[in-house]
Amino acid sequence: MNAHVENTLFNDRNAALLDHPADADHLKAALRTLGGGVSIITAGEGEARTGATVTSATALSVEPARMLVSLNRSSSTWPVVERYGHLGINIVGADHETLADQFAGRGGLRGPDRYRGGEWTTAVSGAPLLVDAVAAIDCVVEEAIERHSHVIVIGRVVAIRIGTGHSLLYQNGRYHDVAAR
């Protein structure tokens, strides 16, 4: 069977499953169903510190140790990561919901004000790291790939801090505590 005929049969069989257009709103709705680990991305120094809450931090490779984070190009975080060449990936737990909200922009806090309520240290790269994070990964920017509305940041891991606890998940607009399961 040639590829065209096979693809047509596949599409005909599954037409009932494809009941939404492939647009931004429906893609967001679909992705909201996927639970993701919550990380606070931190960058900058002093009054130039900022950051964002993401579910897009993941390992690109463990050998060599590389992390991948997707950041919105229009966010306040990307220019600081680009300027300083570092980022902290702070994997947070249930005790960090307030901080995660602050770094997500809820409450209107910006820049260094987002750091309120957390105890921070400076990593090898210069990035701020949350002292009581479930885990914190210190990275220097190895490569940044700008595509569409986002930039894919590949970070070379320079230090790792492993704490205690269970990571926080985000799904369907809500936080979920893994330990409660």
C-alpha atoms as a PDB file:
ATOM      1  CA  MET A   1       0.000   0.000   0.000  1.00  0.00           C
ATOM      2  CA  ASN A   2       1.475   3.365  -0.910  1.00  0.00           C
ATOM      3  CA  ALA A   3       1.934   6.085   1.726  1.00  0.00           C
ATOM      4  CA  HIS A   4      -0.811   8.325   0.311  1.00  0.00           C
ATOM      5  CA  VAL A   5      -3.448   5.572   0.403  1.00  0.00           C
ATOM      6  CA  GLU A   6      -2.332   4.459   3.873  1.00  0.00           C
ATOM      7  CA  ASN A   7      -2.443   8.052   5.186  1.00  0.00           C
ATOM      8  CA  THR A   8      -5.916   8.583   3.672  1.00  0.00           C
ATOM      9  CA  LEU A   9      -7.213   5.411   5.331  1.00  0.00           C
ATOM     10  CA  PHE A  10      -5.702   6.467   8.664  1.00  0.00           C
ATOM     11  CA  ASN A  11      -7.322   9.900   8.422  1.00  0.00           C
ATOM     12  CA  ASP A  12     -10.725   8.421   7.447  1.00  0.00           C
ATOM     13  CA  ARG A  13     -10.661   5.943  10.355  1.00  0.00           C
ATOM     14  CA  ASN A  14      -9.771   8.639  12.874  1.00  0.00           C
ATOM     15  CA  ALA A  15     -11.816  11.559  11.543  1.00  0.00           C
ATOM     16  CA  ALA A  16     -14.136  11.442  14.563  1.00  0.00           C
ATOM     17  CA  LEU A  17     -11.154  11.971  16.888  1.00  0.00           C
ATOM     18  CA  LEU A  18     -10.078  15.137  15.118  1.00  0.00           C
ATOM     19  CA  ASP A  19     -12.934  17.422  16.090  1.00  0.00           C
ATOM     20  CA  HIS A  20     -10.984  20.638  16.759  1.00  0.00           C
ATOM     21  CA  PRO A  21      -8.949  22.845  14.470  1.00  0.00           C
ATOM     22  CA  ALA A  22      -5.181  22.922  14.918  1.00  0.00           C
ATOM     23  CA  ASP A  23      -5.113  26.446  16.336  1.00  0.00           C
ATOM     24  CA  ALA A  24      -3.461  28.071  19.357  1.00  0.00           C
ATOM     25  CA  ASP A  25      -6.509  27.906  21.635  1.00  0.00           C
ATOM     26  CA  HIS A  26      -7.096  24.206  21.054  1.00  0.00           C
ATOM     27  CA  LEU A  27      -3.405  23.394  21.333  1.00  0.00           C
ATOM     28  CA  LYS A  28      -3.293  25.192  24.711  1.00  0.00           C
ATOM     29  CA  ALA A  29      -6.387  23.261  25.833  1.00  0.00           C
ATOM     30  CA  ALA A  30      -4.799  19.965  24.815  1.00  0.00           C
ATOM     31  CA  LEU A  31      -1.499  20.770  26.527  1.00  0.00           C
ATOM     32  CA  ARG A  32      -3.258  21.790  29.760  1.00  0.00           C
ATOM     33  CA  THR A  33      -4.264  18.126  30.136  1.00  0.00           C
ATOM     34  CA  LEU A  34      -0.601  17.109  30.297  1.00  0.00           C
ATOM     35  CA  GLY A  35       0.707  17.363  33.838  1.00  0.00           C
ATOM     36  CA  GLY A  36       4.142  18.951  34.049  1.00  0.00           C
ATOM     37  CA  GLY A  37       6.745  19.366  36.741  1.00  0.00           C
ATOM     38  CA  VAL A  38       6.933  22.920  38.080  1.00  0.00           C
ATOM     39  CA  SER A  39      10.267  24.718  37.984  1.00  0.00           C
ATOM     40  CA  ILE A  40      11.165  28.290  38.762  1.00  0.00           C
ATOM     41  CA  ILE A  41      13.716  29.633  36.306  1.00  0.00           C
ATOM     42  CA  THR A  42      15.955  32.282  37.854  1.00  0.00           C
ATOM     43  CA  ALA A  43      18.522  34.606  36.314  1.00  0.00           C
ATOM     44  CA  GLY A  44      20.353  37.851  36.902  1.00  0.00           C
ATOM     45  CA  GLU A  45      21.971  39.511  39.879  1.00  0.00           C
ATOM     46  CA  GLY A  46      20.868  42.052  42.478  1.00  0.00           C
ATOM     47  CA  GLU A  47      18.134  44.367  41.220  1.00  0.00           C
ATOM     48  CA  ALA A  48      18.422  42.787  37.757  1.00  0.00           C
ATOM     49  CA  ARG A  49      17.141  39.432  39.047  1.00  0.00           C
ATOM     50  CA  THR A  50      13.992  38.015  37.548  1.00  0.00           C
ATOM     51  CA  GLY A  51      12.521  34.671  36.674  1.00  0.00           C
ATOM     52  CA  ALA A  52       9.552  32.654  35.530  1.00  0.00           C
ATOM     53  CA  THR A  53       7.557  29.590  36.481  1.00  0.00           C
ATOM     54  CA  VAL A  54       7.647  26.918  33.774  1.00  0.00           C
ATOM     55  CA  THR A  55       6.680  23.338  33.092  1.00  0.00           C
ATOM     56  CA  SER A  56       9.052  23.239  30.116  1.00  0.00           C
ATOM     57  CA  ALA A  57      12.330  22.443  31.916  1.00  0.00           C
ATOM     58  CA  THR A  58      13.645  19.013  31.036  1.00  0.00           C
ATOM     59  CA  ALA A  59      16.864  17.120  30.485  1.00  0.00           C
ATOM     60  CA  LEU A  60      18.213  17.273  26.960  1.00  0.00           C
ATOM     61  CA  SER A  61      21.069  14.923  27.808  1.00  0.00           C
ATOM     62  CA  VAL A  62      22.583  13.441  30.944  1.00  0.00           C
ATOM     63  CA  GLU A  63      25.971  12.833  29.316  1.00  0.00           C
ATOM     64  CA  PRO A  64      26.991  15.469  28.651  1.00  0.00           C
ATOM     65  CA  ALA A  65      24.762  17.094  31.269  1.00  0.00           C
ATOM     66  CA  ARG A  66      22.477  19.520  29.410  1.00  0.00           C
ATOM     67  CA  MET A  67      19.076  20.986  30.252  1.00  0.00           C
ATOM     68  CA  LEU A  68      16.474  22.433  27.921  1.00  0.00           C
ATOM     69  CA  VAL A  69      14.056  25.232  28.817  1.00  0.00           C
ATOM     70  CA  SER A  70      11.554  26.992  26.578  1.00  0.00           C
ATOM     71  CA  LEU A  71      11.012  30.673  27.431  1.00  0.00           C
ATOM     72  CA  ASN A  72       8.668  33.169  25.853  1.00  0.00           C
ATOM     73  CA  ARG A  73      10.729  35.711  23.918  1.00  0.00           C
ATOM     74  CA  SER A  74       8.476  38.546  25.113  1.00  0.00           C
ATOM     75  CA  SER A  75       8.876  37.626  28.804  1.00  0.00           C
ATOM     76  CA  SER A  76      11.010  39.657  31.178  1.00  0.00           C
ATOM     77  CA  THR A  77      13.088  36.532  31.866  1.00  0.00           C
ATOM     78  CA  TRP A  78      14.596  35.802  28.457  1.00  0.00           C
ATOM     79  CA  PRO A  79      16.523  39.116  28.114  1.00  0.00           C
ATOM     80  CA  VAL A  80      18.071  38.590  31.563  1.00  0.00           C
ATOM     81  CA  VAL A  81      19.071  34.992  30.757  1.00  0.00           C
ATOM     82  CA  GLU A  82      20.555  36.245  27.488  1.00  0.00           C
ATOM     83  CA  ARG A  83      22.420  39.111  29.187  1.00  0.00           C
ATOM     84  CA  TYR A  84      23.874  37.108  32.089  1.00  0.00           C
ATOM     85  CA  GLY A  85      24.356  33.814  30.258  1.00  0.00           C
ATOM     86  CA  HIS A  86      23.108  31.732  33.174  1.00  0.00           C
ATOM     87  CA  LEU A  87      19.930  30.283  34.589  1.00  0.00           C
ATOM     88  CA  GLY A  88      18.885  28.386  37.666  1.00  0.00           C
ATOM     89  CA  ILE A  89      16.327  25.622  37.288  1.00  0.00           C
ATOM     90  CA  ASN A  90      14.653  25.292  40.670  1.00  0.00           C
ATOM     91  CA  ILE A  91      12.432  22.212  40.869  1.00  0.00           C
ATOM     92  CA  VAL A  92       9.846  23.103  43.485  1.00  0.00           C
ATOM     93  CA  GLY A  93       7.506  21.233  45.805  1.00  0.00           C
ATOM     94  CA  ALA A  94       4.104  21.823  47.377  1.00  0.00           C
ATOM     95  CA  ASP A  95       5.585  24.252  49.926  1.00  0.00           C
ATOM     96  CA  HIS A  96       6.541  26.541  47.043  1.00  0.00           C
ATOM     97  CA  GLU A  97       3.123  27.214  45.498  1.00  0.00           C
ATOM     98  CA  THR A  98       3.214  30.877  46.567  1.00  0.00           C
ATOM     99  CA  LEU A  99       6.655  31.353  45.007  1.00  0.00           C
ATOM    100  CA  ALA A 100       5.548  29.546  41.851  1.00  0.00           C
ATOM    101  CA  ASP A 101       2.579  31.924  41.615  1.00  0.00           C
ATOM    102  CA  GLN A 102       4.830  34.953  42.134  1.00  0.00           C
ATOM    103  CA  PHE A 103       7.231  33.841  39.406  1.00  0.00           C
ATOM    104  CA  ALA A 104       4.252  33.131  37.143  1.00  0.00           C
ATOM    105  CA  GLY A 105       3.330  36.817  37.482  1.00  0.00           C
ATOM    106  CA  ARG A 106       0.285  36.314  39.670  1.00  0.00           C
ATOM    107  CA  GLY A 107      -0.074  39.226  42.055  1.00  0.00           C
ATOM    108  CA  GLY A 108       1.771  41.553  39.691  1.00  0.00           C
ATOM    109  CA  LEU A 109       5.243  41.155  41.215  1.00  0.00           C
ATOM    110  CA  ARG A 110       8.134  41.793  38.854  1.00  0.00           C
ATOM    111  CA  GLY A 111      11.903  41.370  38.833  1.00  0.00           C
ATOM    112  CA  PRO A 112      13.540  40.991  42.242  1.00  0.00           C
ATOM    113  CA  ASP A 113      10.183  41.331  44.042  1.00  0.00           C
ATOM    114  CA  ARG A 114       9.325  37.826  42.823  1.00  0.00           C
ATOM    115  CA  TYR A 115      12.039  36.492  45.146  1.00  0.00           C
ATOM    116  CA  ARG A 116      10.110  37.524  48.300  1.00  0.00           C
ATOM    117  CA  GLY A 117       9.382  34.691  50.703  1.00  0.00           C
ATOM    118  CA  GLY A 118      12.186  32.421  49.536  1.00  0.00           C
ATOM    119  CA  GLU A 119      15.693  31.868  50.820  1.00  0.00           C
ATOM    120  CA  TRP A 120      18.162  32.227  47.960  1.00  0.00           C
ATOM    121  CA  THR A 121      21.827  31.528  47.393  1.00  0.00           C
ATOM    122  CA  THR A 122      24.127  32.342  44.501  1.00  0.00           C
ATOM    123  CA  ALA A 123      25.197  29.425  42.334  1.00  0.00           C
ATOM    124  CA  VAL A 124      28.535  28.828  40.644  1.00  0.00           C
ATOM    125  CA  SER A 125      27.289  30.525  37.463  1.00  0.00           C
ATOM    126  CA  GLY A 126      25.938  33.508  39.395  1.00  0.00           C
ATOM    127  CA  ALA A 127      22.298  32.425  39.026  1.00  0.00           C
ATOM    128  CA  PRO A 128      20.075  32.618  42.117  1.00  0.00           C
ATOM    129  CA  LEU A 129      19.057  29.207  43.478  1.00  0.00           C
ATOM    130  CA  LEU A 130      16.276  28.430  45.953  1.00  0.00           C
ATOM    131  CA  VAL A 131      17.895  26.980  49.079  1.00  0.00           C
ATOM    132  CA  ASP A 132      15.059  24.566  49.900  1.00  0.00           C
ATOM    133  CA  ALA A 133      14.178  23.514  46.351  1.00  0.00           C
ATOM    134  CA  VAL A 134      13.449  19.826  45.795  1.00  0.00           C
ATOM    135  CA  ALA A 135      16.398  20.073  43.411  1.00  0.00           C
ATOM    136  CA  ALA A 136      18.238  22.971  41.804  1.00  0.00           C
ATOM    137  CA  ILE A 137      20.274  22.831  38.624  1.00  0.00           C
ATOM    138  CA  ASP A 138      22.741  25.587  37.815  1.00  0.00           C
ATOM    139  CA  CYS A 139      23.340  26.155  34.103  1.00  0.00           C
ATOM    140  CA  VAL A 140      25.270  28.403  31.778  1.00  0.00           C
ATOM    141  CA  VAL A 141      23.723  29.083  28.408  1.00  0.00           C
ATOM    142  CA  GLU A 142      25.316  26.911  25.744  1.00  0.00           C
ATOM    143  CA  GLU A 143      22.919  27.742  22.936  1.00  0.00           C
ATOM    144  CA  ALA A 144      19.693  29.659  22.377  1.00  0.00           C
ATOM    145  CA  ILE A 145      17.443  28.817  19.452  1.00  0.00           C
ATOM    146  CA  GLU A 146      14.807  31.434  18.693  1.00  0.00           C
ATOM    147  CA  ARG A 147      11.693  30.020  17.068  1.00  0.00           C
ATOM    148  CA  HIS A 148       8.326  31.690  16.722  1.00  0.00           C
ATOM    149  CA  SER A 149       7.184  33.108  20.087  1.00  0.00           C
ATOM    150  CA  HIS A 150       9.782  31.251  22.173  1.00  0.00           C
ATOM    151  CA  VAL A 151      13.465  30.662  22.625  1.00  0.00           C
ATOM    152  CA  ILE A 152      14.776  27.187  23.368  1.00  0.00           C
ATOM    153  CA  VAL A 153      17.612  27.556  25.859  1.00  0.00           C
ATOM    154  CA  ILE A 154      20.141  24.750  26.111  1.00  0.00           C
ATOM    155  CA  GLY A 155      21.989  24.992  29.399  1.00  0.00           C
ATOM    156  CA  ARG A 156      25.286  23.309  30.257  1.00  0.00           C
ATOM    157  CA  VAL A 157      24.919  22.018  33.808  1.00  0.00           C
ATOM    158  CA  VAL A 158      27.686  23.329  36.085  1.00  0.00           C
ATOM    159  CA  ALA A 159      26.297  22.398  39.519  1.00  0.00           C
ATOM    160  CA  ILE A 160      23.439  20.440  41.055  1.00  0.00           C
ATOM    161  CA  ARG A 161      21.847  20.671  44.480  1.00  0.00           C
ATOM    162  CA  ILE A 162      19.487  17.878  45.552  1.00  0.00           C
ATOM    163  CA  GLY A 163      17.128  18.645  48.427  1.00  0.00           C
ATOM    164  CA  THR A 164      14.219  16.706  49.831  1.00  0.00           C
ATOM    165  CA  GLY A 165      10.546  16.352  49.096  1.00  0.00           C
ATOM    166  CA  HIS A 166       8.359  15.699  46.089  1.00  0.00           C
ATOM    167  CA  SER A 167       8.045  17.871  43.034  1.00  0.00           C
ATOM    168  CA  LEU A 168       4.970  19.950  42.369  1.00  0.00           C
ATOM    169  CA  LEU A 169       2.909  19.236  39.243  1.00  0.00           C
ATOM    170  CA  TYR A 170       0.714  21.582  37.224  1.00  0.00           C
ATOM    171  CA  GLN A 171      -2.240  20.364  35.190  1.00  0.00           C
ATOM    172  CA  ASN A 172      -5.517  21.895  34.006  1.00  0.00           C
ATOM    173  CA  GLY A 173      -4.732  25.232  35.649  1.00  0.00           C
ATOM    174  CA  ARG A 174      -4.025  23.775  39.105  1.00  0.00           C
ATOM    175  CA  TYR A 175      -1.088  22.632  41.175  1.00  0.00           C
ATOM    176  CA  HIS A 176      -1.000  19.008  42.313  1.00  0.00           C
ATOM    177  CA  ASP A 177       1.071  17.673  45.191  1.00  0.00           C
ATOM    178  CA  VAL A 178       2.618  14.344  44.214  1.00  0.00           C
ATOM    179  CA  ALA A 179       3.119  13.383  47.875  1.00  0.00           C
ATOM    180  CA  ALA A 180      -0.647  13.560  48.460  1.00  0.00           C
ATOM    181  CA  ARG A 181      -1.237  10.688  46.015  1.00  0.00           C
END
